[in-house]
């Protein structure tokens, strides 16, 4: 799967990059990312259909997960 970045460039999708960014958001809030969150993010992106995804769509999905799990401060930091 390819990711369409904000500047229009395209790069190979990497779940590790996303998990790293979410982990940094947790760290910025002085929290440790729960193990299940990493598993949940990997599962989410393994089920996506299509050849491309926009960075905004990725961010919206992650924001939804964080908000649903009541990590409001982490979601704000991630955004």
C-alpha atoms as a PDB file:
ATOM      1  CA  UNK A   1       0.000   0.000   0.000  1.00  0.00           C
ATOM      2  CA  UNK A   2       1.153   3.516  -0.789  1.00  0.00           C
ATOM      3  CA  UNK A   3       0.656   6.625   1.366  1.00  0.00           C
ATOM      4  CA  UNK A   4      -0.150   9.938  -0.287  1.00  0.00           C
ATOM      5  CA  UNK A   5       1.543  12.603   1.794  1.00  0.00           C
ATOM      6  CA  UNK A   6       0.382  16.189   2.234  1.00  0.00           C
ATOM      7  CA  UNK A   7       2.811  17.484  -0.380  1.00  0.00           C
ATOM      8  CA  UNK A   8       1.443  14.977  -2.903  1.00  0.00           C
ATOM      9  CA  UNK A   9       4.444  12.690  -2.814  1.00  0.00           C
ATOM     10  CA  UNK A  10       3.916   8.962  -2.445  1.00  0.00           C
ATOM     11  CA  UNK A  11       5.790   6.566  -0.196  1.00  0.00           C
ATOM     12  CA  UNK A  12       5.430   2.962   0.908  1.00  0.00           C
ATOM     13  CA  UNK A  13       3.101   2.479   3.878  1.00  0.00           C
ATOM     14  CA  UNK A  14       4.866   1.620   7.144  1.00  0.00           C
ATOM     15  CA  UNK A  15       2.882   0.636  10.227  1.00  0.00           C
ATOM     16  CA  UNK A  16       6.075   1.046  12.252  1.00  0.00           C
ATOM     17  CA  UNK A  17       6.233   4.774  11.399  1.00  0.00           C
ATOM     18  CA  UNK A  18       2.660   5.242  12.587  1.00  0.00           C
ATOM     19  CA  UNK A  19       3.194   3.262  15.776  1.00  0.00           C
ATOM     20  CA  UNK A  20       6.339   5.290  16.470  1.00  0.00           C
ATOM     21  CA  UNK A  21       4.416   8.561  16.023  1.00  0.00           C
ATOM     22  CA  UNK A  22       1.634   7.392  18.365  1.00  0.00           C
ATOM     23  CA  UNK A  23       4.229   6.246  20.904  1.00  0.00           C
ATOM     24  CA  UNK A  24       5.825   9.712  20.794  1.00  0.00           C
ATOM     25  CA  UNK A  25       2.412  11.272  21.420  1.00  0.00           C
ATOM     26  CA  UNK A  26       2.026   9.084  24.517  1.00  0.00           C
ATOM     27  CA  UNK A  27       5.533  10.019  25.687  1.00  0.00           C
ATOM     28  CA  UNK A  28       4.790  13.721  25.243  1.00  0.00           C
ATOM     29  CA  UNK A  29       1.919  13.241  27.711  1.00  0.00           C
ATOM     30  CA  UNK A  30       4.169  11.347  30.136  1.00  0.00           C
ATOM     31  CA  UNK A  31       2.332   8.099  29.440  1.00  0.00           C
ATOM     32  CA  UNK A  32       3.369   4.703  28.180  1.00  0.00           C
ATOM     33  CA  UNK A  33       1.549   3.376  25.147  1.00  0.00           C
ATOM     34  CA  UNK A  34      -0.381   0.236  26.133  1.00  0.00           C
ATOM     35  CA  UNK A  35       0.694  -2.949  24.354  1.00  0.00           C
ATOM     36  CA  UNK A  36      -2.832  -3.492  23.059  1.00  0.00           C
ATOM     37  CA  UNK A  37      -2.655  -0.132  21.256  1.00  0.00           C
ATOM     38  CA  UNK A  38       0.270  -1.296  19.136  1.00  0.00           C
ATOM     39  CA  UNK A  39      -1.592  -4.507  18.304  1.00  0.00           C
ATOM     40  CA  UNK A  40      -4.776  -2.568  17.535  1.00  0.00           C
ATOM     41  CA  UNK A  41      -2.977  -0.197  15.154  1.00  0.00           C
ATOM     42  CA  UNK A  42      -1.291  -3.069  13.309  1.00  0.00           C
ATOM     43  CA  UNK A  43      -4.635  -4.864  12.996  1.00  0.00           C
ATOM     44  CA  UNK A  44      -6.388  -1.731  11.737  1.00  0.00           C
ATOM     45  CA  UNK A  45      -3.929  -1.121   8.945  1.00  0.00           C
ATOM     46  CA  UNK A  46      -3.705  -4.767   7.943  1.00  0.00           C
ATOM     47  CA  UNK A  47      -7.418  -4.727   7.082  1.00  0.00           C
ATOM     48  CA  UNK A  48      -7.439  -1.685   4.808  1.00  0.00           C
ATOM     49  CA  UNK A  49      -8.395  -2.176   1.186  1.00  0.00           C
ATOM     50  CA  UNK A  50      -6.964  -0.358  -1.782  1.00  0.00           C
ATOM     51  CA  UNK A  51      -3.612   0.574  -3.179  1.00  0.00           C
ATOM     52  CA  UNK A  52      -3.324   4.051  -1.635  1.00  0.00           C
ATOM     53  CA  UNK A  53      -4.346   5.910   1.492  1.00  0.00           C
ATOM     54  CA  UNK A  54      -4.039   9.586   2.330  1.00  0.00           C
ATOM     55  CA  UNK A  55      -2.160  10.737   5.399  1.00  0.00           C
ATOM     56  CA  UNK A  56      -5.272  12.577   6.602  1.00  0.00           C
ATOM     57  CA  UNK A  57      -7.277   9.350   6.513  1.00  0.00           C
ATOM     58  CA  UNK A  58      -4.582   7.601   8.549  1.00  0.00           C
ATOM     59  CA  UNK A  59      -4.560  10.402  11.103  1.00  0.00           C
ATOM     60  CA  UNK A  60      -8.355  10.398  11.377  1.00  0.00           C
ATOM     61  CA  UNK A  61      -8.408   6.662  12.054  1.00  0.00           C
ATOM     62  CA  UNK A  62      -5.744   6.978  14.743  1.00  0.00           C
ATOM     63  CA  UNK A  63      -7.487   9.962  16.315  1.00  0.00           C
ATOM     64  CA  UNK A  64     -10.731   7.942  16.462  1.00  0.00           C
ATOM     65  CA  UNK A  65      -8.972   5.041  18.187  1.00  0.00           C
ATOM     66  CA  UNK A  66      -7.334   7.307  20.756  1.00  0.00           C
ATOM     67  CA  UNK A  67     -10.544   9.200  21.474  1.00  0.00           C
ATOM     68  CA  UNK A  68     -12.604   5.997  21.771  1.00  0.00           C
ATOM     69  CA  UNK A  69     -10.109   4.704  24.332  1.00  0.00           C
ATOM     70  CA  UNK A  70     -10.344   8.020  26.220  1.00  0.00           C
ATOM     71  CA  UNK A  71      -6.747   9.080  25.516  1.00  0.00           C
ATOM     72  CA  UNK A  72      -7.901  12.620  24.804  1.00  0.00           C
ATOM     73  CA  UNK A  73      -4.612  14.274  25.725  1.00  0.00           C
ATOM     74  CA  UNK A  74      -2.649  11.834  23.587  1.00  0.00           C
ATOM     75  CA  UNK A  75      -5.001  12.403  20.647  1.00  0.00           C
ATOM     76  CA  UNK A  76      -4.487  16.157  20.981  1.00  0.00           C
ATOM     77  CA  UNK A  77      -0.710  15.667  21.080  1.00  0.00           C
ATOM     78  CA  UNK A  78      -0.831  13.356  18.075  1.00  0.00           C
ATOM     79  CA  UNK A  79      -2.817  15.856  16.052  1.00  0.00           C
END
